[in-house]
């Protein structure tokens, strides 16, 4: 599983990192770590628009997204 750690970053940077990971690693599961709620919403929406499945887990003030 590929890890994209975008904690502490503001959009559009996390979105760009996830986009690159999807493009560079087709078919691979991607674990995305985020700390900003609006980044979570943007990445989640983008991933779904790409036809991918996303599972979201909230741990304290951080988010973990698993993209398949």
C-alpha atoms as a PDB file:
ATOM      1  CA  UNK A   1       0.000   0.000   0.000  1.00  0.00           C
ATOM      2  CA  UNK A   2       1.327   3.402  -1.016  1.00  0.00           C
ATOM      3  CA  UNK A   3       1.390   6.114   1.674  1.00  0.00           C
ATOM      4  CA  UNK A   4       0.616   9.764   0.924  1.00  0.00           C
ATOM      5  CA  UNK A   5       1.234  11.804   4.075  1.00  0.00           C
ATOM      6  CA  UNK A   6      -0.307  15.228   3.495  1.00  0.00           C
ATOM      7  CA  UNK A   7      -0.793  16.171   7.154  1.00  0.00           C
ATOM      8  CA  UNK A   8      -0.218  19.859   7.781  1.00  0.00           C
ATOM      9  CA  UNK A   9      -0.581  20.768   4.101  1.00  0.00           C
ATOM     10  CA  UNK A  10      -3.299  22.967   2.618  1.00  0.00           C
ATOM     11  CA  UNK A  11      -5.204  22.406  -0.615  1.00  0.00           C
ATOM     12  CA  UNK A  12      -4.456  22.106  -3.429  1.00  0.00           C
ATOM     13  CA  UNK A  13      -1.224  20.361  -2.376  1.00  0.00           C
ATOM     14  CA  UNK A  14      -2.831  17.197  -0.843  1.00  0.00           C
ATOM     15  CA  UNK A  15      -5.104  16.896  -3.874  1.00  0.00           C
ATOM     16  CA  UNK A  16      -2.141  17.165  -6.243  1.00  0.00           C
ATOM     17  CA  UNK A  17      -0.235  14.512  -4.258  1.00  0.00           C
ATOM     18  CA  UNK A  18      -3.175  12.095  -4.384  1.00  0.00           C
ATOM     19  CA  UNK A  19      -3.729  12.776  -8.084  1.00  0.00           C
ATOM     20  CA  UNK A  20      -0.078  11.976  -8.821  1.00  0.00           C
ATOM     21  CA  UNK A  21      -0.221   8.806  -6.696  1.00  0.00           C
ATOM     22  CA  UNK A  22      -3.308   7.554  -8.558  1.00  0.00           C
ATOM     23  CA  UNK A  23      -1.667   8.294 -11.914  1.00  0.00           C
ATOM     24  CA  UNK A  24       1.759   6.830 -11.033  1.00  0.00           C
ATOM     25  CA  UNK A  25       0.453   3.726  -9.209  1.00  0.00           C
ATOM     26  CA  UNK A  26      -2.648   2.512 -11.070  1.00  0.00           C
ATOM     27  CA  UNK A  27      -4.499  -0.282  -9.316  1.00  0.00           C
ATOM     28  CA  UNK A  28      -2.542   0.096  -6.064  1.00  0.00           C
ATOM     29  CA  UNK A  29      -4.230   0.869  -2.741  1.00  0.00           C
ATOM     30  CA  UNK A  30      -3.288   4.294  -1.424  1.00  0.00           C
ATOM     31  CA  UNK A  31      -3.349   5.364   2.218  1.00  0.00           C
ATOM     32  CA  UNK A  32      -3.807   9.133   2.537  1.00  0.00           C
ATOM     33  CA  UNK A  33      -3.194  10.930   5.844  1.00  0.00           C
ATOM     34  CA  UNK A  34      -4.728  14.396   6.224  1.00  0.00           C
ATOM     35  CA  UNK A  35      -5.137  16.892   9.042  1.00  0.00           C
ATOM     36  CA  UNK A  36      -7.496  19.438   7.463  1.00  0.00           C
ATOM     37  CA  UNK A  37     -11.260  18.724   7.170  1.00  0.00           C
ATOM     38  CA  UNK A  38     -11.593  20.687   3.916  1.00  0.00           C
ATOM     39  CA  UNK A  39      -8.663  18.747   2.416  1.00  0.00           C
ATOM     40  CA  UNK A  40     -10.427  15.511   3.379  1.00  0.00           C
ATOM     41  CA  UNK A  41     -13.612  16.676   1.671  1.00  0.00           C
ATOM     42  CA  UNK A  42     -11.759  17.776  -1.477  1.00  0.00           C
ATOM     43  CA  UNK A  43      -9.676  14.600  -1.769  1.00  0.00           C
ATOM     44  CA  UNK A  44     -12.687  12.371  -1.064  1.00  0.00           C
ATOM     45  CA  UNK A  45     -14.728  14.115  -3.770  1.00  0.00           C
ATOM     46  CA  UNK A  46     -11.860  13.957  -6.279  1.00  0.00           C
ATOM     47  CA  UNK A  47     -11.217  10.249  -5.659  1.00  0.00           C
ATOM     48  CA  UNK A  48     -14.901   9.393  -6.130  1.00  0.00           C
ATOM     49  CA  UNK A  49     -14.978  11.427  -9.362  1.00  0.00           C
ATOM     50  CA  UNK A  50     -12.055   9.297 -10.585  1.00  0.00           C
ATOM     51  CA  UNK A  51     -14.228   6.196 -10.125  1.00  0.00           C
ATOM     52  CA  UNK A  52     -12.281   4.971  -7.086  1.00  0.00           C
ATOM     53  CA  UNK A  53     -13.641   3.626  -3.818  1.00  0.00           C
ATOM     54  CA  UNK A  54     -12.642   5.541  -0.688  1.00  0.00           C
ATOM     55  CA  UNK A  55     -12.939   4.602   2.976  1.00  0.00           C
ATOM     56  CA  UNK A  56     -12.573   7.384   5.557  1.00  0.00           C
ATOM     57  CA  UNK A  57     -11.506   6.946   9.173  1.00  0.00           C
ATOM     58  CA  UNK A  58     -11.253   9.847  11.617  1.00  0.00           C
ATOM     59  CA  UNK A  59      -8.702   9.575  14.418  1.00  0.00           C
ATOM     60  CA  UNK A  60      -8.777  12.560  16.737  1.00  0.00           C
ATOM     61  CA  UNK A  61      -8.200  15.609  14.540  1.00  0.00           C
ATOM     62  CA  UNK A  62      -6.685  13.628  11.648  1.00  0.00           C
ATOM     63  CA  UNK A  63      -8.149  11.625   8.792  1.00  0.00           C
ATOM     64  CA  UNK A  64      -7.066   8.433   7.080  1.00  0.00           C
ATOM     65  CA  UNK A  65      -8.428   7.712   3.613  1.00  0.00           C
ATOM     66  CA  UNK A  66      -7.934   4.361   1.911  1.00  0.00           C
ATOM     67  CA  UNK A  67      -8.272   4.685  -1.862  1.00  0.00           C
ATOM     68  CA  UNK A  68      -8.927   1.550  -3.894  1.00  0.00           C
END
